[in-house]
Each structure stands twice: as structure tokens, then as C-alpha cells.
Amino acid sequence: ENTEWVDWHAGVLVKRNAMENIHNWACGWSCLSQPTSRLLENHMKKAHLLLAELISSLPH
């Protein structure tokens, strides 16, 4: 076997896969992605407000 691959697999890939395994995340979000999830939450709030504005401007 290629020892560089084995070292990279054991030292990098296994850890990365464990961190990115969504089945281990609470509520579907990694605890390591808090800043990203806050940005996404803010984006979703803005999108909901824009959608509400659009719906309210439609003729009844």
C-alpha cells in the first residue's frame, strides 16, 4: 500500500468524514458551523419578510 495515502487517510480523511457526518449533528447543523448557521438564519428571515411583502402586495 501507499504509505502516504494510509497516513493521509488516517490523519485527515477519517477526521474530516467524522466531522462532516450529518448524522452526528444536532438539528441537522454541525456545532462547528455556528457562524454559517447564523448567516443562513438571517438570510432565511430576510427571505420570509420579502415573501410576506410580495404576498401582501398581490391583488386579493
N, C-alpha and C. Protein backbone atom coordinates (compact mmCIF):
# COMPACT_ATOMS: atom_id res chain seq x y z
N GLU A 1 0.83 -1.19 0.00
CA GLU A 1 0.00 0.00 0.00
C GLU A 1 0.87 1.25 0.00
N ASN A 2 0.29 2.33 -0.45
CA ASN A 2 0.97 3.61 -0.46
C ASN A 2 0.92 4.20 0.95
N THR A 3 2.07 4.35 1.58
CA THR A 3 2.10 4.82 2.97
C THR A 3 1.62 6.26 3.09
N GLU A 4 1.86 7.08 2.06
CA GLU A 4 1.36 8.47 2.12
C GLU A 4 -0.16 8.48 2.16
N TRP A 5 -0.78 7.63 1.34
CA TRP A 5 -2.24 7.54 1.32
C TRP A 5 -2.76 7.06 2.67
N VAL A 6 -2.14 6.04 3.22
CA VAL A 6 -2.58 5.49 4.50
C VAL A 6 -2.47 6.55 5.59
N ASP A 7 -1.36 7.29 5.61
CA ASP A 7 -1.18 8.36 6.60
C ASP A 7 -2.21 9.46 6.42
N TRP A 8 -2.45 9.88 5.15
CA TRP A 8 -3.43 10.93 4.88
C TRP A 8 -4.83 10.46 5.25
N HIS A 9 -5.14 9.23 4.89
CA HIS A 9 -6.46 8.67 5.20
C HIS A 9 -6.69 8.66 6.71
N ALA A 10 -5.72 8.18 7.47
CA ALA A 10 -5.87 8.08 8.92
C ALA A 10 -5.81 9.45 9.60
N GLY A 11 -4.94 10.32 9.11
CA GLY A 11 -4.74 11.60 9.78
C GLY A 11 -5.67 12.71 9.36
N VAL A 12 -6.22 12.64 8.15
CA VAL A 12 -7.04 13.73 7.63
C VAL A 12 -8.44 13.26 7.27
N LEU A 13 -8.52 12.30 6.38
CA LEU A 13 -9.81 11.92 5.81
C LEU A 13 -10.78 11.36 6.85
N VAL A 14 -10.31 10.49 7.71
CA VAL A 14 -11.20 9.90 8.72
C VAL A 14 -11.74 10.98 9.65
N LYS A 15 -10.88 11.92 10.07
CA LYS A 15 -11.33 13.01 10.96
C LYS A 15 -12.32 13.92 10.24
N ARG A 16 -12.02 14.25 8.98
CA ARG A 16 -12.91 15.12 8.21
C ARG A 16 -14.27 14.46 8.00
N ASN A 17 -14.27 13.19 7.66
CA ASN A 17 -15.54 12.49 7.47
C ASN A 17 -16.34 12.41 8.76
N ALA A 18 -15.66 12.23 9.88
CA ALA A 18 -16.36 12.20 11.17
C ALA A 18 -16.99 13.55 11.47
N MET A 19 -16.26 14.65 11.19
CA MET A 19 -16.78 15.99 11.45
C MET A 19 -17.95 16.31 10.52
N GLU A 20 -17.87 15.87 9.26
CA GLU A 20 -18.89 16.21 8.28
C GLU A 20 -20.04 15.22 8.23
N ASN A 21 -20.06 14.25 9.11
CA ASN A 21 -21.12 13.25 9.14
C ASN A 21 -22.39 13.89 9.70
N ILE A 22 -23.35 14.19 8.84
CA ILE A 22 -24.55 14.91 9.27
C ILE A 22 -25.40 14.11 10.25
N HIS A 23 -25.20 12.82 10.32
CA HIS A 23 -25.97 12.02 11.26
C HIS A 23 -25.55 12.28 12.70
N ASN A 24 -24.40 12.92 12.90
CA ASN A 24 -23.93 13.26 14.25
C ASN A 24 -24.28 14.69 14.65
N TRP A 25 -24.90 15.43 13.77
CA TRP A 25 -25.19 16.83 14.05
C TRP A 25 -26.50 16.97 14.78
N ALA A 26 -26.56 17.93 15.68
CA ALA A 26 -27.81 18.25 16.36
C ALA A 26 -28.64 19.13 15.44
N CYS A 27 -29.88 18.79 15.26
CA CYS A 27 -30.82 19.57 14.44
C CYS A 27 -30.34 19.75 13.00
N GLY A 28 -29.50 18.87 12.52
CA GLY A 28 -29.06 18.95 11.14
C GLY A 28 -27.94 19.93 10.88
N TRP A 29 -27.45 20.61 11.90
CA TRP A 29 -26.37 21.57 11.73
C TRP A 29 -25.19 21.18 12.58
N SER A 30 -24.01 21.25 12.02
CA SER A 30 -22.80 20.97 12.77
C SER A 30 -22.58 22.06 13.80
N CYS A 31 -22.16 21.68 14.99
CA CYS A 31 -21.86 22.68 16.01
C CYS A 31 -20.67 23.52 15.60
N LEU A 32 -19.87 23.04 14.65
CA LEU A 32 -18.72 23.79 14.17
C LEU A 32 -19.11 24.86 13.17
N SER A 33 -20.34 24.86 12.71
CA SER A 33 -20.75 25.82 11.68
C SER A 33 -21.68 26.88 12.24
N GLN A 34 -21.54 27.24 13.50
CA GLN A 34 -22.43 28.23 14.10
C GLN A 34 -22.44 29.56 13.35
N PRO A 35 -21.28 30.14 12.99
CA PRO A 35 -21.35 31.40 12.24
C PRO A 35 -22.10 31.23 10.93
N THR A 36 -21.88 30.13 10.25
CA THR A 36 -22.57 29.87 8.99
C THR A 36 -24.06 29.71 9.22
N SER A 37 -24.43 29.00 10.27
CA SER A 37 -25.85 28.79 10.51
C SER A 37 -26.53 30.10 10.91
N ARG A 38 -25.83 30.98 11.61
CA ARG A 38 -26.41 32.29 11.93
C ARG A 38 -26.63 33.10 10.67
N LEU A 39 -25.66 33.05 9.75
CA LEU A 39 -25.82 33.76 8.48
C LEU A 39 -27.00 33.20 7.71
N LEU A 40 -27.13 31.89 7.69
CA LEU A 40 -28.24 31.25 6.99
C LEU A 40 -29.57 31.64 7.65
N GLU A 41 -29.59 31.67 8.97
CA GLU A 41 -30.82 32.05 9.68
C GLU A 41 -31.22 33.48 9.33
N ASN A 42 -30.25 34.40 9.30
CA ASN A 42 -30.54 35.78 8.92
C ASN A 42 -31.05 35.86 7.49
N HIS A 43 -30.44 35.10 6.61
CA HIS A 43 -30.86 35.07 5.21
C HIS A 43 -32.30 34.56 5.10
N MET A 44 -32.63 33.52 5.84
CA MET A 44 -33.98 32.96 5.79
C MET A 44 -35.00 33.94 6.34
N LYS A 45 -34.66 34.67 7.40
CA LYS A 45 -35.58 35.68 7.94
C LYS A 45 -35.87 36.75 6.90
N LYS A 46 -34.80 37.22 6.22
CA LYS A 46 -34.99 38.23 5.17
C LYS A 46 -35.84 37.69 4.03
N ALA A 47 -35.60 36.44 3.66
CA ALA A 47 -36.38 35.83 2.58
C ALA A 47 -37.85 35.72 2.97
N HIS A 48 -38.12 35.35 4.22
CA HIS A 48 -39.52 35.25 4.68
C HIS A 48 -40.19 36.62 4.68
N LEU A 49 -39.46 37.66 5.09
CA LEU A 49 -40.03 39.01 5.07
C LEU A 49 -40.33 39.45 3.64
N LEU A 50 -39.41 39.19 2.73
CA LEU A 50 -39.64 39.55 1.33
C LEU A 50 -40.82 38.79 0.75
N LEU A 51 -40.95 37.54 1.08
CA LEU A 51 -42.07 36.74 0.61
C LEU A 51 -43.39 37.27 1.17
N ALA A 52 -43.39 37.64 2.45
CA ALA A 52 -44.60 38.20 3.06
C ALA A 52 -44.99 39.50 2.37
N GLU A 53 -44.00 40.34 2.05
CA GLU A 53 -44.27 41.60 1.33
C GLU A 53 -44.87 41.31 -0.04
N LEU A 54 -44.30 40.36 -0.74
CA LEU A 54 -44.79 40.00 -2.06
C LEU A 54 -46.23 39.50 -1.99
N ILE A 55 -46.50 38.63 -1.04
CA ILE A 55 -47.85 38.08 -0.90
C ILE A 55 -48.85 39.17 -0.55
N SER A 56 -48.46 40.08 0.33
CA SER A 56 -49.39 41.14 0.73
C SER A 56 -49.64 42.13 -0.39
N SER A 57 -48.73 42.23 -1.35
CA SER A 57 -48.92 43.18 -2.46
C SER A 57 -49.74 42.59 -3.60
N LEU A 58 -50.01 41.29 -3.57
CA LEU A 58 -50.82 40.67 -4.62
C LEU A 58 -52.28 41.09 -4.48
N PRO A 59 -52.97 41.26 -5.60
CA PRO A 59 -54.40 41.59 -5.52
C PRO A 59 -55.17 40.41 -4.93
N HIS A 60 -56.15 40.73 -4.13
CA HIS A 60 -56.95 39.67 -3.47
C HIS A 60 -58.05 39.22 -4.36
